[in-house]
């Protein structure tokens, strides 16, 4: 799994595992699925899904998904990824 650097809101840098990245063309936005190696309930790996922008080469800022319409489109894209 590839490692990428993300910049947290407090300005600190963190190395995380890049699980997948995809673009939703009709939104013109890019999204990532990340893992920090955390385990959630019942032993399931915890993942994070976020919009991202590359702030400098190899450094990414994450943008939370707060719009319900965008979140629905992300869920549709995730279903396509899982099914392919």
C-alpha atoms as a PDB file:
ATOM      1  CA  UNK A   1       0.000   0.000   0.000  1.00  0.00           C
ATOM      2  CA  UNK A   2       1.304   3.454  -0.854  1.00  0.00           C
ATOM      3  CA  UNK A   3       2.003   5.980   1.887  1.00  0.00           C
ATOM      4  CA  UNK A   4       1.090   9.632   1.439  1.00  0.00           C
ATOM      5  CA  UNK A   5       1.609  12.693   3.597  1.00  0.00           C
ATOM      6  CA  UNK A   6      -1.381  14.689   4.707  1.00  0.00           C
ATOM      7  CA  UNK A   7      -1.423  18.001   6.515  1.00  0.00           C
ATOM      8  CA  UNK A   8      -3.733  18.032   9.526  1.00  0.00           C
ATOM      9  CA  UNK A   9      -5.819  21.064  10.423  1.00  0.00           C
ATOM     10  CA  UNK A  10      -3.301  21.986  13.132  1.00  0.00           C
ATOM     11  CA  UNK A  11      -0.515  22.046  10.519  1.00  0.00           C
ATOM     12  CA  UNK A  12       1.142  18.792  11.603  1.00  0.00           C
ATOM     13  CA  UNK A  13       2.077  16.223   8.974  1.00  0.00           C
ATOM     14  CA  UNK A  14       0.978  12.600   9.090  1.00  0.00           C
ATOM     15  CA  UNK A  15       1.871   9.542   6.995  1.00  0.00           C
ATOM     16  CA  UNK A  16      -1.167   7.409   6.089  1.00  0.00           C
ATOM     17  CA  UNK A  17      -1.901   4.456   3.813  1.00  0.00           C
ATOM     18  CA  UNK A  18      -3.594   5.326   0.529  1.00  0.00           C
ATOM     19  CA  UNK A  19      -6.261   2.671  -0.037  1.00  0.00           C
ATOM     20  CA  UNK A  20      -7.770   4.200  -3.182  1.00  0.00           C
ATOM     21  CA  UNK A  21      -8.251   7.522  -4.932  1.00  0.00           C
ATOM     22  CA  UNK A  22     -10.942   8.490  -7.417  1.00  0.00           C
ATOM     23  CA  UNK A  23     -12.456  11.477  -9.179  1.00  0.00           C
ATOM     24  CA  UNK A  24     -16.135  12.226  -9.614  1.00  0.00           C
ATOM     25  CA  UNK A  25     -16.161  13.969 -12.963  1.00  0.00           C
ATOM     26  CA  UNK A  26     -19.564  15.654 -12.761  1.00  0.00           C
ATOM     27  CA  UNK A  27     -18.504  17.243  -9.442  1.00  0.00           C
ATOM     28  CA  UNK A  28     -14.924  17.947 -10.632  1.00  0.00           C
ATOM     29  CA  UNK A  29     -13.669  16.769  -7.241  1.00  0.00           C
ATOM     30  CA  UNK A  30     -11.099  14.186  -6.148  1.00  0.00           C
ATOM     31  CA  UNK A  31     -11.515  11.840  -3.206  1.00  0.00           C
ATOM     32  CA  UNK A  32      -9.313   9.444  -1.244  1.00  0.00           C
ATOM     33  CA  UNK A  33      -9.859   6.431   0.933  1.00  0.00           C
ATOM     34  CA  UNK A  34      -7.209   6.382   3.662  1.00  0.00           C
ATOM     35  CA  UNK A  35      -6.183   4.131   6.521  1.00  0.00           C
ATOM     36  CA  UNK A  36      -4.197   5.020   9.614  1.00  0.00           C
ATOM     37  CA  UNK A  37      -3.918   1.368  10.629  1.00  0.00           C
ATOM     38  CA  UNK A  38      -6.655   1.745  13.227  1.00  0.00           C
ATOM     39  CA  UNK A  39      -9.096  -0.993  14.110  1.00  0.00           C
ATOM     40  CA  UNK A  40     -12.751  -0.142  14.709  1.00  0.00           C
ATOM     41  CA  UNK A  41     -15.398  -2.252  16.430  1.00  0.00           C
ATOM     42  CA  UNK A  42     -15.277  -6.003  15.936  1.00  0.00           C
ATOM     43  CA  UNK A  43     -11.813  -5.964  14.379  1.00  0.00           C
ATOM     44  CA  UNK A  44     -12.822  -4.105  11.211  1.00  0.00           C
ATOM     45  CA  UNK A  45     -10.225  -1.727   9.763  1.00  0.00           C
ATOM     46  CA  UNK A  46     -11.191   1.913  10.145  1.00  0.00           C
ATOM     47  CA  UNK A  47     -10.996   3.956   6.938  1.00  0.00           C
ATOM     48  CA  UNK A  48     -11.394   7.629   6.146  1.00  0.00           C
ATOM     49  CA  UNK A  49     -12.979   9.083   3.024  1.00  0.00           C
ATOM     50  CA  UNK A  50     -12.340  12.686   2.125  1.00  0.00           C
ATOM     51  CA  UNK A  51     -12.110  15.136  -0.720  1.00  0.00           C
ATOM     52  CA  UNK A  52      -8.514  16.214  -1.268  1.00  0.00           C
ATOM     53  CA  UNK A  53      -6.416  18.879  -2.897  1.00  0.00           C
ATOM     54  CA  UNK A  54      -2.682  18.670  -3.475  1.00  0.00           C
ATOM     55  CA  UNK A  55      -1.199  21.699  -1.712  1.00  0.00           C
ATOM     56  CA  UNK A  56       2.353  20.961  -2.875  1.00  0.00           C
ATOM     57  CA  UNK A  57       3.896  17.987  -4.667  1.00  0.00           C
ATOM     58  CA  UNK A  58       3.196  14.899  -2.581  1.00  0.00           C
ATOM     59  CA  UNK A  59       1.375  16.804   0.211  1.00  0.00           C
ATOM     60  CA  UNK A  60      -2.399  16.659   0.408  1.00  0.00           C
ATOM     61  CA  UNK A  61      -4.970  18.647   2.348  1.00  0.00           C
ATOM     62  CA  UNK A  62      -8.177  16.840   3.175  1.00  0.00           C
ATOM     63  CA  UNK A  63     -11.566  18.524   2.936  1.00  0.00           C
ATOM     64  CA  UNK A  64     -14.447  17.044   4.908  1.00  0.00           C
ATOM     65  CA  UNK A  65     -17.557  15.984   3.018  1.00  0.00           C
ATOM     66  CA  UNK A  66     -20.371  18.061   4.510  1.00  0.00           C
ATOM     67  CA  UNK A  67     -22.800  18.289   1.583  1.00  0.00           C
ATOM     68  CA  UNK A  68     -25.371  15.463   1.502  1.00  0.00           C
ATOM     69  CA  UNK A  69     -25.559  15.549  -2.299  1.00  0.00           C
ATOM     70  CA  UNK A  70     -21.790  15.133  -2.589  1.00  0.00           C
ATOM     71  CA  UNK A  71     -21.860  12.330  -0.016  1.00  0.00           C
ATOM     72  CA  UNK A  72     -24.512  10.470  -2.052  1.00  0.00           C
ATOM     73  CA  UNK A  73     -22.303  10.723  -5.156  1.00  0.00           C
ATOM     74  CA  UNK A  74     -19.314   9.448  -3.157  1.00  0.00           C
ATOM     75  CA  UNK A  75     -21.342   6.457  -1.940  1.00  0.00           C
ATOM     76  CA  UNK A  76     -22.346   5.682  -5.549  1.00  0.00           C
ATOM     77  CA  UNK A  77     -18.678   5.822  -6.607  1.00  0.00           C
ATOM     78  CA  UNK A  78     -17.690   3.538  -3.718  1.00  0.00           C
ATOM     79  CA  UNK A  79     -20.284   0.970  -4.810  1.00  0.00           C
ATOM     80  CA  UNK A  80     -18.818   1.032  -8.326  1.00  0.00           C
ATOM     81  CA  UNK A  81     -15.298   0.528  -6.935  1.00  0.00           C
ATOM     82  CA  UNK A  82     -16.403  -2.430  -4.826  1.00  0.00           C
ATOM     83  CA  UNK A  83     -18.323  -4.027  -7.708  1.00  0.00           C
ATOM     84  CA  UNK A  84     -15.464  -3.713 -10.224  1.00  0.00           C
END
